[in-house]
Amino acid sequence: MDAELSFPRCQKCDAGLLLPLSDYGRDGASIRYKAWVCSNPECGFNIRIDNGEITFGRAIGQSFK
């Protein structure tokens, strides 16, 4: 498998992979890998950067922005 396409295994459930998510900042600049989420829907583990703070384990939900 290509190194760019291999993702780390989730350390919480060991069944899913951590998938990177990107976003856009307030000024429209792209933010690569702002968050990582577990691919296993039963696990729900996530880690993200918000305003320079690292948070993890928050409930995942749909944004209506």
PDB file of N, CA and C in Angstrom:
ATOM      1  N   MET A   1       0.847  -1.172   0.000  1.00  0.00           N
ATOM      2  CA  MET A   1       0.000   0.000   0.000  1.00  0.00           C
ATOM      3  C   MET A   1       0.896   1.239   0.000  1.00  0.00           C
ATOM      4  N   ASP A   2       0.508   2.273  -0.686  1.00  0.00           N
ATOM      5  CA  ASP A   2       1.241   3.531  -0.759  1.00  0.00           C
ATOM      6  C   ASP A   2       1.291   4.175   0.626  1.00  0.00           C
ATOM      7  N   ALA A   3       2.452   4.718   1.005  1.00  0.00           N
ATOM      8  CA  ALA A   3       2.620   5.321   2.319  1.00  0.00           C
ATOM      9  C   ALA A   3       1.636   6.467   2.548  1.00  0.00           C
ATOM     10  N   GLU A   4       1.283   7.197   1.500  1.00  0.00           N
ATOM     11  CA  GLU A   4       0.347   8.308   1.652  1.00  0.00           C
ATOM     12  C   GLU A   4      -1.070   7.828   1.927  1.00  0.00           C
ATOM     13  N   LEU A   5      -1.377   6.589   1.612  1.00  0.00           N
ATOM     14  CA  LEU A   5      -2.734   6.083   1.788  1.00  0.00           C
ATOM     15  C   LEU A   5      -2.888   5.204   3.023  1.00  0.00           C
ATOM     16  N   SER A   6      -1.834   5.007   3.791  1.00  0.00           N
ATOM     17  CA  SER A   6      -1.964   4.191   4.987  1.00  0.00           C
ATOM     18  C   SER A   6      -2.201   5.111   6.185  1.00  0.00           C
ATOM     19  N   PHE A   7      -3.207   4.782   6.963  1.00  0.00           N
ATOM     20  CA  PHE A   7      -3.581   5.600   8.101  1.00  0.00           C
ATOM     21  C   PHE A   7      -3.335   4.817   9.390  1.00  0.00           C
ATOM     22  N   PRO A   8      -3.093   5.536  10.494  1.00  0.00           N
ATOM     23  CA  PRO A   8      -2.837   4.837  11.763  1.00  0.00           C
ATOM     24  C   PRO A   8      -4.089   4.141  12.287  1.00  0.00           C
ATOM     25  N   ARG A   9      -3.878   3.038  12.960  1.00  0.00           N
ATOM     26  CA  ARG A   9      -4.981   2.299  13.586  1.00  0.00           C
ATOM     27  C   ARG A   9      -5.429   3.060  14.836  1.00  0.00           C
ATOM     28  N   CYS A  10      -6.723   3.065  15.083  1.00  0.00           N
ATOM     29  CA  CYS A  10      -7.276   3.728  16.269  1.00  0.00           C
ATOM     30  C   CYS A  10      -6.770   3.012  17.519  1.00  0.00           C
ATOM     31  N   GLN A  11      -6.188   3.772  18.434  1.00  0.00           N
ATOM     32  CA  GLN A  11      -5.661   3.199  19.667  1.00  0.00           C
ATOM     33  C   GLN A  11      -6.754   2.941  20.705  1.00  0.00           C
ATOM     34  N   LYS A  12      -7.934   3.523  20.494  1.00  0.00           N
ATOM     35  CA  LYS A  12      -9.034   3.314  21.440  1.00  0.00           C
ATOM     36  C   LYS A  12      -9.720   1.971  21.200  1.00  0.00           C
ATOM     37  N   CYS A  13     -10.117   1.703  19.940  1.00  0.00           N
ATOM     38  CA  CYS A  13     -10.879   0.480  19.665  1.00  0.00           C
ATOM     39  C   CYS A  13     -10.060  -0.591  18.953  1.00  0.00           C
ATOM     40  N   ASP A  14      -8.970  -0.224  18.323  1.00  0.00           N
ATOM     41  CA  ASP A  14      -8.094  -1.124  17.581  1.00  0.00           C
ATOM     42  C   ASP A  14      -8.806  -1.812  16.412  1.00  0.00           C
ATOM     43  N   ALA A  15     -10.015  -1.336  16.062  1.00  0.00           N
ATOM     44  CA  ALA A  15     -10.746  -1.940  14.945  1.00  0.00           C
ATOM     45  C   ALA A  15     -10.820  -0.992  13.748  1.00  0.00           C
ATOM     46  N   GLY A  16     -10.775   0.313  14.019  1.00  0.00           N
ATOM     47  CA  GLY A  16     -10.895   1.300  12.947  1.00  0.00           C
ATOM     48  C   GLY A  16      -9.566   1.958  12.639  1.00  0.00           C
ATOM     49  N   LEU A  17      -9.590   2.783  11.616  1.00  0.00           N
ATOM     50  CA  LEU A  17      -8.428   3.580  11.249  1.00  0.00           C
ATOM     51  C   LEU A  17      -8.725   5.037  11.546  1.00  0.00           C
ATOM     52  N   LEU A  18      -7.700   5.820  11.873  1.00  0.00           N
ATOM     53  CA  LEU A  18      -7.885   7.250  12.065  1.00  0.00           C
ATOM     54  C   LEU A  18      -7.795   7.927  10.711  1.00  0.00           C
ATOM     55  N   LEU A  19      -8.881   8.588  10.323  1.00  0.00           N
ATOM     56  CA  LEU A  19      -8.962   9.250   9.025  1.00  0.00           C
ATOM     57  C   LEU A  19      -8.838  10.758   9.206  1.00  0.00           C
ATOM     58  N   PRO A  20      -7.995  11.405   8.404  1.00  0.00           N
ATOM     59  CA  PRO A  20      -7.802  12.848   8.549  1.00  0.00           C
ATOM     60  C   PRO A  20      -8.916  13.641   7.874  1.00  0.00           C
ATOM     61  N   LEU A  21      -9.290  14.745   8.492  1.00  0.00           N
ATOM     62  CA  LEU A  21     -10.272  15.669   7.928  1.00  0.00           C
ATOM     63  C   LEU A  21      -9.642  17.054   7.852  1.00  0.00           C
ATOM     64  N   SER A  22      -9.922  17.763   6.793  1.00  0.00           N
ATOM     65  CA  SER A  22      -9.409  19.118   6.615  1.00  0.00           C
ATOM     66  C   SER A  22     -10.566  20.097   6.679  1.00  0.00           C
ATOM     67  N   ASP A  23     -10.226  21.388   6.821  1.00  0.00           N
ATOM     68  CA  ASP A  23     -11.245  22.417   6.937  1.00  0.00           C
ATOM     69  C   ASP A  23     -10.664  23.722   6.409  1.00  0.00           C
ATOM     70  N   TYR A  24     -11.438  24.766   6.491  1.00  0.00           N
ATOM     71  CA  TYR A  24     -10.980  26.095   6.115  1.00  0.00           C
ATOM     72  C   TYR A  24     -11.061  27.000   7.333  1.00  0.00           C
ATOM     73  N   GLY A  25     -10.063  27.861   7.498  1.00  0.00           N
ATOM     74  CA  GLY A  25     -10.032  28.805   8.608  1.00  0.00           C
ATOM     75  C   GLY A  25     -10.933  29.995   8.352  1.00  0.00           C
ATOM     76  N   ARG A  26     -10.960  30.911   9.303  1.00  0.00           N
ATOM     77  CA  ARG A  26     -11.820  32.099   9.208  1.00  0.00           C
ATOM     78  C   ARG A  26     -11.515  32.942   7.979  1.00  0.00           C
ATOM     79  N   ASP A  27     -10.251  33.009   7.602  1.00  0.00           N
ATOM     80  CA  ASP A  27      -9.843  33.823   6.456  1.00  0.00           C
ATOM     81  C   ASP A  27      -9.843  33.037   5.154  1.00  0.00           C
ATOM     82  N   GLY A  28     -10.346  31.829   5.172  1.00  0.00           N
ATOM     83  CA  GLY A  28     -10.436  31.022   3.964  1.00  0.00           C
ATOM     84  C   GLY A  28      -9.216  30.179   3.669  1.00  0.00           C
ATOM     85  N   ALA A  29      -8.189  30.243   4.519  1.00  0.00           N
ATOM     86  CA  ALA A  29      -6.999  29.421   4.320  1.00  0.00           C
ATOM     87  C   ALA A  29      -7.311  27.972   4.686  1.00  0.00           C
ATOM     88  N   SER A  30      -6.798  27.038   3.895  1.00  0.00           N
ATOM     89  CA  SER A  30      -7.070  25.638   4.186  1.00  0.00           C
ATOM     90  C   SER A  30      -6.252  25.174   5.389  1.00  0.00           C
ATOM     91  N   ILE A  31      -6.860  24.308   6.180  1.00  0.00           N
ATOM     92  CA  ILE A  31      -6.209  23.713   7.349  1.00  0.00           C
ATOM     93  C   ILE A  31      -6.189  22.207   7.115  1.00  0.00           C
ATOM     94  N   ARG A  32      -5.010  21.689   6.744  1.00  0.00           N
ATOM     95  CA  ARG A  32      -4.899  20.246   6.515  1.00  0.00           C
ATOM     96  C   ARG A  32      -4.875  19.506   7.839  1.00  0.00           C
ATOM     97  N   TYR A  33      -5.593  18.429   7.883  1.00  0.00           N
ATOM     98  CA  TYR A  33      -5.614  17.542   9.041  1.00  0.00           C
ATOM     99  C   TYR A  33      -6.010  18.278  10.318  1.00  0.00           C
ATOM    100  N   LYS A  34      -7.104  19.006  10.249  1.00  0.00           N
ATOM    101  CA  LYS A  34      -7.622  19.696  11.429  1.00  0.00           C
ATOM    102  C   LYS A  34      -8.145  18.693  12.447  1.00  0.00           C
ATOM    103  N   ALA A  35      -8.650  17.573  11.961  1.00  0.00           N
ATOM    104  CA  ALA A  35      -9.217  16.564  12.855  1.00  0.00           C
ATOM    105  C   ALA A  35      -8.895  15.174  12.326  1.00  0.00           C
ATOM    106  N   TRP A  36      -8.888  14.216  13.231  1.00  0.00           N
ATOM    107  CA  TRP A  36      -8.753  12.805  12.877  1.00  0.00           C
ATOM    108  C   TRP A  36      -9.918  12.094  13.550  1.00  0.00           C
ATOM    109  N   VAL A  37     -10.617  11.230  12.807  1.00  0.00           N
ATOM    110  CA  VAL A  37     -11.754  10.499  13.364  1.00  0.00           C
ATOM    111  C   VAL A  37     -11.593   9.012  13.081  1.00  0.00           C
ATOM    112  N   CYS A  38     -12.111   8.205  13.980  1.00  0.00           N
ATOM    113  CA  CYS A  38     -12.044   6.751  13.809  1.00  0.00           C
ATOM    114  C   CYS A  38     -13.073   6.323  12.764  1.00  0.00           C
ATOM    115  N   SER A  39     -12.672   5.433  11.871  1.00  0.00           N
ATOM    116  CA  SER A  39     -13.565   4.940  10.822  1.00  0.00           C
ATOM    117  C   SER A  39     -14.614   3.967  11.352  1.00  0.00           C
ATOM    118  N   ASN A  40     -14.451   3.493  12.572  1.00  0.00           N
ATOM    119  CA  ASN A  40     -15.400   2.567  13.176  1.00  0.00           C
ATOM    120  C   ASN A  40     -16.525   3.388  13.822  1.00  0.00           C
ATOM    121  N   PRO A  41     -17.743   3.378  13.257  1.00  0.00           N
ATOM    122  CA  PRO A  41     -18.828   4.207  13.795  1.00  0.00           C
ATOM    123  C   PRO A  41     -19.202   3.865  15.228  1.00  0.00           C
ATOM    124  N   GLU A  42     -18.930   2.652  15.676  1.00  0.00           N
ATOM    125  CA  GLU A  42     -19.251   2.279  17.056  1.00  0.00           C
ATOM    126  C   GLU A  42     -18.266   2.889  18.047  1.00  0.00           C
ATOM    127  N   CYS A  43     -17.078   3.273  17.580  1.00  0.00           N
ATOM    128  CA  CYS A  43     -16.043   3.832  18.444  1.00  0.00           C
ATOM    129  C   CYS A  43     -16.272   5.325  18.665  1.00  0.00           C
ATOM    130  N   GLY A  44     -16.262   6.094  17.599  1.00  0.00           N
ATOM    131  CA  GLY A  44     -16.500   7.529  17.699  1.00  0.00           C
ATOM    132  C   GLY A  44     -15.325   8.361  18.179  1.00  0.00           C
ATOM    133  N   PHE A  45     -14.135   7.762  18.351  1.00  0.00           N
ATOM    134  CA  PHE A  45     -12.984   8.545  18.813  1.00  0.00           C
ATOM    135  C   PHE A  45     -12.639   9.626  17.797  1.00  0.00           C
ATOM    136  N   ASN A  46     -12.282  10.805  18.291  1.00  0.00           N
ATOM    137  CA  ASN A  46     -11.839  11.888  17.426  1.00  0.00           C
ATOM    138  C   ASN A  46     -10.873  12.778  18.185  1.00  0.00           C
ATOM    139  N   ILE A  47      -9.995  13.399  17.435  1.00  0.00           N
ATOM    140  CA  ILE A  47      -9.057  14.368  17.995  1.00  0.00           C
ATOM    141  C   ILE A  47      -8.999  15.524  17.009  1.00  0.00           C
ATOM    142  N   ARG A  48      -9.027  16.763  17.523  1.00  0.00           N
ATOM    143  CA  ARG A  48      -9.078  17.916  16.632  1.00  0.00           C
ATOM    144  C   ARG A  48      -8.366  19.121  17.225  1.00  0.00           C
ATOM    145  N   ILE A  49      -8.087  20.073  16.371  1.00  0.00           N
ATOM    146  CA  ILE A  49      -7.458  21.324  16.780  1.00  0.00           C
ATOM    147  C   ILE A  49      -8.478  22.437  16.603  1.00  0.00           C
ATOM    148  N   ASP A  50      -8.756  23.167  17.669  1.00  0.00           N
ATOM    149  CA  ASP A  50      -9.672  24.313  17.639  1.00  0.00           C
ATOM    150  C   ASP A  50      -8.969  25.511  18.258  1.00  0.00           C
ATOM    151  N   ASN A  51      -8.713  26.520  17.439  1.00  0.00           N
ATOM    152  CA  ASN A  51      -8.055  27.738  17.916  1.00  0.00           C
ATOM    153  C   ASN A  51      -6.765  27.434  18.677  1.00  0.00           C
ATOM    154  N   GLY A  52      -5.990  26.485  18.166  1.00  0.00           N
ATOM    155  CA  GLY A  52      -4.710  26.137  18.774  1.00  0.00           C
ATOM    156  C   GLY A  52      -4.803  25.168  19.935  1.00  0.00           C
ATOM    157  N   GLU A  53      -6.004  24.775  20.337  1.00  0.00           N
ATOM    158  CA  GLU A  53      -6.191  23.819  21.429  1.00  0.00           C
ATOM    159  C   GLU A  53      -6.505  22.448  20.871  1.00  0.00           C
ATOM    160  N   ILE A  54      -5.903  21.431  21.430  1.00  0.00           N
ATOM    161  CA  ILE A  54      -6.170  20.053  21.011  1.00  0.00           C
ATOM    162  C   ILE A  54      -7.260  19.485  21.908  1.00  0.00           C
ATOM    163  N   THR A  55      -8.329  18.995  21.283  1.00  0.00           N
ATOM    164  CA  THR A  55      -9.410  18.370  22.035  1.00  0.00           C
ATOM    165  C   THR A  55      -9.634  16.967  21.489  1.00  0.00           C
ATOM    166  N   PHE A  56     -10.120  16.080  22.339  1.00  0.00           N
ATOM    167  CA  PHE A  56     -10.423  14.737  21.859  1.00  0.00           C
ATOM    168  C   PHE A  56     -11.625  14.183  22.602  1.00  0.00           C
ATOM    169  N   GLY A  57     -12.297  13.253  21.921  1.00  0.00           N
ATOM    170  CA  GLY A  57     -13.418  12.560  22.527  1.00  0.00           C
ATOM    171  C   GLY A  57     -14.737  13.309  22.531  1.00  0.00           C
ATOM    172  N   ARG A  58     -14.799  14.508  21.935  1.00  0.00           N
ATOM    173  CA  ARG A  58     -16.076  15.224  21.888  1.00  0.00           C
ATOM    174  C   ARG A  58     -17.055  14.475  20.998  1.00  0.00           C
ATOM    175  N   ALA A  59     -18.333  14.640  21.264  1.00  0.00           N
ATOM    176  CA  ALA A  59     -19.355  13.986  20.447  1.00  0.00           C
ATOM    177  C   ALA A  59     -19.267  14.496  19.015  1.00  0.00           C
ATOM    178  N   ILE A  60     -19.400  13.585  18.069  1.00  0.00           N
ATOM    179  CA  ILE A  60     -19.340  13.944  16.662  1.00  0.00           C
ATOM    180  C   ILE A  60     -20.762  14.175  16.177  1.00  0.00           C
ATOM    181  N   GLY A  61     -20.946  15.270  15.486  1.00  0.00           N
ATOM    182  CA  GLY A  61     -22.263  15.572  14.946  1.00  0.00           C
ATOM    183  C   GLY A  61     -22.130  16.341  13.651  1.00  0.00           C
ATOM    184  N   GLN A  62     -23.226  16.504  12.984  1.00  0.00           N
ATOM    185  CA  GLN A  62     -23.238  17.232  11.720  1.00  0.00           C
ATOM    186  C   GLN A  62     -23.269  18.732  11.985  1.00  0.00           C
ATOM    187  N   SER A  63     -22.471  19.470  11.243  1.00  0.00           N
ATOM    188  CA  SER A  63     -22.463  20.925  11.354  1.00  0.00           C
ATOM    189  C   SER A  63     -23.467  21.495  10.362  1.00  0.00           C
ATOM    190  N   PHE A  64     -24.245  22.449  10.794  1.00  0.00           N
ATOM    191  CA  PHE A  64     -25.236  23.062   9.924  1.00  0.00           C
ATOM    192  C   PHE A  64     -24.827  24.480   9.526  1.00  0.00           C
ATOM    193  N   LYS A  65     -23.522  24.758   9.545  1.00  0.00           N
ATOM    194  CA  LYS A  65     -23.004  26.078   9.152  1.00  0.00           C
ATOM    195  C   LYS A  65     -23.093  26.271   7.668  1.00  0.00           C
TER     196      LYS A  65
END
